Protein backbone atom coordinates (compact mmCIF):
# COMPACT_ATOMS: atom_id res chain seq x y z
CA MET A 1 -20.27 3.33 21.86
CA LEU A 2 -23.21 2.94 18.85
CA ALA A 3 -22.48 -0.96 19.25
CA GLY A 4 -22.80 -0.90 22.97
CA VAL A 5 -25.87 1.20 22.71
CA VAL A 6 -27.57 -1.12 20.18
CA THR A 7 -26.64 -4.33 22.00
CA VAL A 8 -28.12 -3.08 25.15
CA SER A 9 -31.28 -1.92 23.78
CA ALA A 10 -31.24 -5.33 21.73
CA PHE A 11 -31.22 -6.77 24.61
CA ALA A 12 -33.75 -4.85 26.95
CA VAL A 13 -36.53 -4.30 23.92
CA PRO A 14 -37.50 -8.05 23.53
CA ALA A 15 -37.10 -8.79 27.28
CA VAL A 16 -39.38 -6.24 28.45
CA VAL A 17 -42.19 -6.62 25.57
CA CYS A 18 -41.90 -10.31 25.91
CA GLY A 19 -41.92 -10.28 29.84
CA LEU A 20 -44.36 -7.55 30.51
CA TRP A 21 -46.95 -8.12 27.10
CA VAL A 22 -46.40 -11.13 25.16
CA LEU A 23 -45.94 -13.78 27.73
CA PRO A 24 -48.14 -13.10 30.47
CA SER A 25 -51.18 -14.54 28.88
CA LEU A 26 -49.05 -17.96 27.59
CA VAL A 27 -46.76 -18.37 30.78
CA ASP A 28 -48.38 -18.00 34.24
CA ASP A 29 -45.44 -18.47 36.19
CA ALA A 30 -43.34 -15.47 36.55
CA ALA A 31 -39.88 -16.89 37.17
CA THR A 32 -40.71 -18.63 34.03
CA ARG A 33 -41.79 -15.94 32.01
CA TRP A 34 -39.05 -13.58 32.74
CA GLY A 35 -36.24 -16.49 32.14
CA VAL A 36 -37.87 -17.26 28.76
CA ALA A 37 -38.11 -13.49 28.04
CA SER A 38 -34.39 -12.90 29.19
CA ALA A 39 -33.48 -15.89 26.68
CA LEU A 40 -35.17 -13.90 23.98
CA GLY A 41 -33.42 -10.77 24.82
CA ALA A 42 -29.73 -12.47 25.19
CA ALA A 43 -30.35 -14.25 21.57
CA VAL A 44 -31.37 -10.83 19.89
CA ALA A 45 -28.28 -9.19 21.99
CA ALA A 46 -26.02 -11.80 20.57
CA LEU A 47 -26.97 -10.80 16.97
CA ALA A 48 -26.27 -7.25 17.61
CA VAL A 49 -22.83 -8.05 19.30
CA LEU A 50 -22.09 -9.76 15.92
CA TRP A 51 -23.16 -6.89 13.96
CA GLY A 52 -21.21 -4.35 16.30
CA GLN A 53 -18.06 -6.40 15.68
CA GLY A 54 -18.18 -6.22 11.98
CA PHE A 55 -19.06 -2.70 12.17
CA ALA A 56 -16.10 -2.09 14.73
CA ALA A 57 -13.73 -4.18 12.47
CA SER A 58 -14.85 -2.55 9.03
CA ASP A 59 -12.94 0.83 10.09
CA SER A 60 -9.77 -0.88 10.73
CA GLY A 61 -6.72 -1.63 8.28
CA GLN A 62 -5.04 -4.85 8.00
CA GLY A 63 -1.41 -5.48 7.75
CA GLY A 64 0.48 -8.23 5.79
CA ALA A 65 -1.80 -10.49 3.15
CA GLY A 66 -5.31 -9.58 3.15
CA THR A 67 -7.91 -7.18 1.13
CA ALA A 68 -8.55 -3.65 2.81
CA SER A 69 -11.75 -1.67 0.75
CA GLY A 70 -11.77 -4.58 -1.45
CA VAL A 71 -8.36 -4.19 -2.72
CA SER A 72 -6.04 -7.39 -2.63
CA VAL A 73 -2.53 -6.50 -0.50
CA GLU A 74 0.36 -8.77 -0.41
CA ALA A 75 3.75 -8.29 0.84
CA SER A 76 5.91 -11.00 0.47
CA GLY A 77 9.43 -9.97 0.17
CA ALA A 78 11.54 -9.58 3.39
CA ARG A 79 11.16 -6.53 4.94
CA SER A 80 8.39 -5.47 2.35
CA VAL A 81 5.29 -2.94 3.16
CA ALA A 82 1.85 -3.08 1.21
CA VAL A 83 -0.86 -1.00 1.87
CA GLY A 84 -4.13 -1.09 0.25
CA GLY A 85 -5.49 2.76 1.08
CA SER A 86 -3.47 5.87 1.48
CA VAL A 87 -0.70 6.46 4.12
CA LYS A 88 -0.09 9.35 6.25
CA GLY A 89 3.08 9.23 8.07
CA ASN A 90 6.82 7.86 7.24
CA ILE A 91 7.35 4.28 5.96
CA SER A 92 10.92 2.68 6.37
CA THR A 93 12.15 -0.82 5.52
CA GLY A 94 15.72 0.22 6.52
CA ASP A 95 17.58 -0.76 9.38
CA THR A 96 17.49 2.86 11.40
CA GLY A 97 14.42 4.31 10.06
CA THR A 98 14.30 6.99 12.68
CA GLY A 99 13.70 9.86 9.53
CA ALA A 100 13.43 10.62 6.07
CA ARG A 101 16.96 9.71 4.36
CA HIS A 102 17.82 9.18 0.92
CA THR A 103 21.05 8.53 -0.74
CA PRO A 104 21.20 8.43 -4.44
CA GLY A 105 22.42 5.23 -6.21
CA ALA A 106 22.11 3.39 -2.63
CA GLY A 107 18.95 1.50 -3.95
CA GLY A 108 16.64 3.63 -1.65
CA SER A 109 13.66 5.77 -2.67
CA THR A 110 11.82 8.34 -1.14
CA GLY A 111 8.52 10.16 -1.98
CA PRO A 112 5.13 9.26 -3.32
CA ALA A 113 4.83 5.70 -4.50
CA SER A 114 2.82 4.36 -7.13
CA PRO A 115 0.76 1.17 -7.40
CA PRO A 116 2.44 -1.44 -9.53
CA GLY A 117 1.42 -1.74 -13.07
CA PRO A 118 -0.66 -4.54 -14.32
CA ARG A 119 0.58 -7.87 -14.30
CA VAL A 120 -0.26 -11.33 -15.77
CA GLY A 121 -2.02 -13.17 -13.16
CA ARG A 122 -2.58 -10.37 -10.44
CA ALA A 123 -6.52 -9.09 -10.39
CA PRO A 124 -6.79 -5.39 -11.12
CA GLY A 125 -6.70 -3.34 -8.05
CA SER A 126 -3.86 -5.34 -6.18
CA VAL A 127 -1.20 -4.13 -4.35
CA VAL A 128 1.76 -6.16 -4.31
CA ALA A 129 5.11 -5.60 -2.58
CA SER A 130 7.33 -8.72 -3.43
CA GLY A 131 10.93 -7.49 -3.77
CA ASP A 132 13.17 -7.02 -0.43
CA ARG A 133 12.37 -3.96 1.43
CA SER A 134 10.15 -2.71 -1.24
CA VAL A 135 6.94 -0.58 -1.01
CA ALA A 136 3.40 -0.87 -2.74
CA VAL A 137 0.87 1.82 -1.71
CA GLY A 138 -2.43 1.93 -3.45
CA ASP A 139 -3.59 5.30 -2.78
CA GLY A 140 -1.59 8.53 -1.94
CA VAL A 141 1.26 8.95 0.42
CA GLU A 142 1.63 12.04 2.83
CA GLY A 143 4.95 11.32 4.20
CA ASP A 144 8.21 10.03 3.15
CA ILE A 145 9.31 6.21 1.87
CA THR A 146 12.88 4.96 2.64
CA THR A 147 14.01 1.60 1.65
CA CYS A 148 17.69 2.37 2.36
CA ASP A 149 19.73 1.38 6.14
CA GLN A 150 21.59 4.56 6.46
CA ALA A 151 22.04 8.12 4.43
CA ALA A 152 25.83 7.60 5.02
CA GLY A 153 26.03 3.84 3.26
CA PRO A 154 26.48 0.83 4.18
CA ARG A 155 27.41 -0.04 8.00
CA PRO A 156 30.84 -1.06 8.74
C-alpha cells in the first residue's frame, strides 16, 4: 500500500509542478508542455516503482540456496531444508509429513534444531543442510522437525 501511494505521488507531484509552474515559461504549447511534464513524472514514478519492489521484496523469505538477512543459506542434500531465520511451524522431510512423529532409532529427529557448527570453507553465519533429509535452521524453531518417513518404521 505504501509503495503504491509513493508511486502515485512520485508521478503526480513532478507532473503538476512542471506542467503548471516550471514549463509554462519555457514551452508555449500546452500539449507539448503537459507531454514533457508527464514524461518527467513517469521517469520519477519508475524510480519509485523500483524502490517499491525492493521495499516489498525485503520482507519476503527465500527458499533453496541464497541469502536471507545477510545469512548464507544452502540446502544441497536430497529433500533437505535450510532456513536462515526462525521457523514458526513444522518441517517434515519424510514422505508422510502430516504431523509430528518421531521413531527413536529410525534416523529421525524432532525438536529445536541448532545451526551447524563452524566448518572449514564456510562463512560465519551460513546455514547449510547438506545431507539427505537434513534440516538446518539459523535461529529458533517453534514447532516440530521430522525427518523420518513413518512412525511405524519403513514402508512395506
